[in-house]
Amino acid sequence: MKSIWTANYEGNLITLENNWFSGEKLFVNGKLQDCQVNYITTPILTGHLFNKEGMRLSIKANLLPGFFKVTAMLFIDDAEVELQKLR
């Protein structure tokens, strides 16, 4: 089963993917920035983007597995950003 979440932050498209077989992935503007295959602990994905002023901001995403669904949280420069679940 594959789950996908997206967020748009200052013109940057951030995509999180979770797949039972290929693991978790973080994309920024279509480019893969981090991936993990981790069945035991909560995956934490990290990356970066550049804001409108050209400053580099850090990205951290947590994927929280549950019994029947996976929940995702996204932080940019230590502030939570709302995600939209596509599937």
C-alpha atoms as a PDB file:
ATOM      1  CA  MET A   1       0.000   0.000   0.000  1.00  0.00           C
ATOM      2  CA  LYS A   2       1.362   3.425  -0.948  1.00  0.00           C
ATOM      3  CA  SER A   3       0.585   6.705   0.826  1.00  0.00           C
ATOM      4  CA  ILE A   4       1.468  10.145  -0.565  1.00  0.00           C
ATOM      5  CA  TRP A   5       1.379  13.579   1.077  1.00  0.00           C
ATOM      6  CA  THR A   6       2.238  16.966  -0.433  1.00  0.00           C
ATOM      7  CA  ALA A   7       2.841  20.519   0.713  1.00  0.00           C
ATOM      8  CA  ASN A   8       3.670  23.709  -1.145  1.00  0.00           C
ATOM      9  CA  TYR A   9       6.046  26.004   0.713  1.00  0.00           C
ATOM     10  CA  GLU A  10       6.996  29.310  -0.923  1.00  0.00           C
ATOM     11  CA  GLY A  11       6.776  27.783  -4.399  1.00  0.00           C
ATOM     12  CA  ASN A  12       8.560  24.531  -3.453  1.00  0.00           C
ATOM     13  CA  LEU A  13       6.624  21.281  -3.859  1.00  0.00           C
ATOM     14  CA  ILE A  14       7.405  18.819  -1.066  1.00  0.00           C
ATOM     15  CA  THR A  15       6.250  15.216  -1.448  1.00  0.00           C
ATOM     16  CA  LEU A  16       6.403  12.409   1.102  1.00  0.00           C
ATOM     17  CA  GLU A  17       5.854   8.815   0.026  1.00  0.00           C
ATOM     18  CA  ASN A  18       5.403   5.716   2.139  1.00  0.00           C
ATOM     19  CA  ASN A  19       5.348   2.244   0.612  1.00  0.00           C
ATOM     20  CA  TRP A  20       5.385  -0.990   2.587  1.00  0.00           C
ATOM     21  CA  PHE A  21       7.973  -2.520   0.269  1.00  0.00           C
ATOM     22  CA  SER A  22      10.196   0.368  -0.893  1.00  0.00           C
ATOM     23  CA  GLY A  23      10.148   2.438   2.316  1.00  0.00           C
ATOM     24  CA  GLU A  24       9.813   6.182   2.860  1.00  0.00           C
ATOM     25  CA  LYS A  25      10.947   8.960   0.517  1.00  0.00           C
ATOM     26  CA  LEU A  26      11.225  12.754   0.669  1.00  0.00           C
ATOM     27  CA  PHE A  27      11.138  14.724  -2.591  1.00  0.00           C
ATOM     28  CA  VAL A  28      11.601  18.486  -3.037  1.00  0.00           C
ATOM     29  CA  ASN A  29      10.588  19.822  -6.441  1.00  0.00           C
ATOM     30  CA  GLY A  30      10.687  16.280  -7.824  1.00  0.00           C
ATOM     31  CA  LYS A  31      14.223  15.529  -6.614  1.00  0.00           C
ATOM     32  CA  LEU A  32      14.795  12.767  -4.059  1.00  0.00           C
ATOM     33  CA  GLN A  33      16.470  14.176  -0.922  1.00  0.00           C
ATOM     34  CA  ASP A  34      16.173  11.277   1.546  1.00  0.00           C
ATOM     35  CA  CYS A  35      14.902   7.719   1.700  1.00  0.00           C
ATOM     36  CA  GLN A  36      14.746   4.979   4.309  1.00  0.00           C
ATOM     37  CA  VAL A  37      13.537   1.431   4.628  1.00  0.00           C
ATOM     38  CA  ASN A  38      12.836   1.016   8.306  1.00  0.00           C
ATOM     39  CA  TYR A  39      10.327  -1.437   9.761  1.00  0.00           C
ATOM     40  CA  ILE A  40      11.150  -1.100  13.462  1.00  0.00           C
ATOM     41  CA  THR A  41      11.499   2.585  14.403  1.00  0.00           C
ATOM     42  CA  THR A  42       9.736   5.766  13.297  1.00  0.00           C
ATOM     43  CA  PRO A  43      11.367   7.025  10.092  1.00  0.00           C
ATOM     44  CA  ILE A  44      12.728  10.583  10.098  1.00  0.00           C
ATOM     45  CA  LEU A  45      13.527  12.046   6.701  1.00  0.00           C
ATOM     46  CA  THR A  46      15.651  15.188   6.304  1.00  0.00           C
ATOM     47  CA  GLY A  47      16.355  17.572   3.469  1.00  0.00           C
ATOM     48  CA  HIS A  48      16.460  21.252   2.576  1.00  0.00           C
ATOM     49  CA  LEU A  49      14.965  23.872   0.306  1.00  0.00           C
ATOM     50  CA  PHE A  50      15.601  27.497  -0.573  1.00  0.00           C
ATOM     51  CA  ASN A  51      13.007  30.138   0.279  1.00  0.00           C
ATOM     52  CA  LYS A  52      12.151  33.191  -1.835  1.00  0.00           C
ATOM     53  CA  GLU A  53      15.064  35.137  -0.318  1.00  0.00           C
ATOM     54  CA  GLY A  54      17.506  32.375  -1.254  1.00  0.00           C
ATOM     55  CA  MET A  55      18.033  31.205   2.339  1.00  0.00           C
ATOM     56  CA  ARG A  56      18.537  27.476   2.872  1.00  0.00           C
ATOM     57  CA  LEU A  57      15.895  26.028   5.226  1.00  0.00           C
ATOM     58  CA  SER A  58      15.988  22.585   6.806  1.00  0.00           C
ATOM     59  CA  ILE A  59      13.225  20.021   6.327  1.00  0.00           C
ATOM     60  CA  LYS A  60      12.328  17.223   8.717  1.00  0.00           C
ATOM     61  CA  ALA A  61       9.507  14.754   8.115  1.00  0.00           C
ATOM     62  CA  ASN A  62       8.207  12.113  10.505  1.00  0.00           C
ATOM     63  CA  LEU A  63       6.151   9.177   9.287  1.00  0.00           C
ATOM     64  CA  LEU A  64       4.227   7.615  12.141  1.00  0.00           C
ATOM     65  CA  PRO A  65       3.057   4.055  11.442  1.00  0.00           C
ATOM     66  CA  GLY A  66      -0.200   2.887  12.938  1.00  0.00           C
ATOM     67  CA  PHE A  67      -2.175  -0.326  12.791  1.00  0.00           C
ATOM     68  CA  PHE A  68      -4.280   0.654   9.774  1.00  0.00           C
ATOM     69  CA  LYS A  69      -2.756   3.878   8.409  1.00  0.00           C
ATOM     70  CA  VAL A  70       0.390   5.994   8.400  1.00  0.00           C
ATOM     71  CA  THR A  71       0.393   9.606   9.592  1.00  0.00           C
ATOM     72  CA  ALA A  72       2.916  12.171   8.384  1.00  0.00           C
ATOM     73  CA  MET A  73       4.254  15.388   9.915  1.00  0.00           C
ATOM     74  CA  LEU A  74       6.416  17.972   8.138  1.00  0.00           C
ATOM     75  CA  PHE A  75       8.628  20.650   9.695  1.00  0.00           C
ATOM     76  CA  ILE A  76      10.434  23.398   7.805  1.00  0.00           C
ATOM     77  CA  ASP A  77      12.957  25.424   9.783  1.00  0.00           C
ATOM     78  CA  ASP A  78      11.476  23.866  12.978  1.00  0.00           C
ATOM     79  CA  ALA A  79       7.894  25.021  12.231  1.00  0.00           C
ATOM     80  CA  GLU A  80       5.129  22.543  11.387  1.00  0.00           C
ATOM     81  CA  VAL A  81       3.740  22.766   7.846  1.00  0.00           C
ATOM     82  CA  GLU A  82       0.353  21.374   6.900  1.00  0.00           C
ATOM     83  CA  LEU A  83       0.335  18.374   4.570  1.00  0.00           C
ATOM     84  CA  GLN A  84      -2.364  17.286   2.162  1.00  0.00           C
ATOM     85  CA  LYS A  85      -2.846  13.521   1.809  1.00  0.00           C
ATOM     86  CA  LEU A  86      -3.302  12.490  -1.807  1.00  0.00           C
ATOM     87  CA  ARG A  87      -3.705   8.752  -1.155  1.00  0.00           C
END
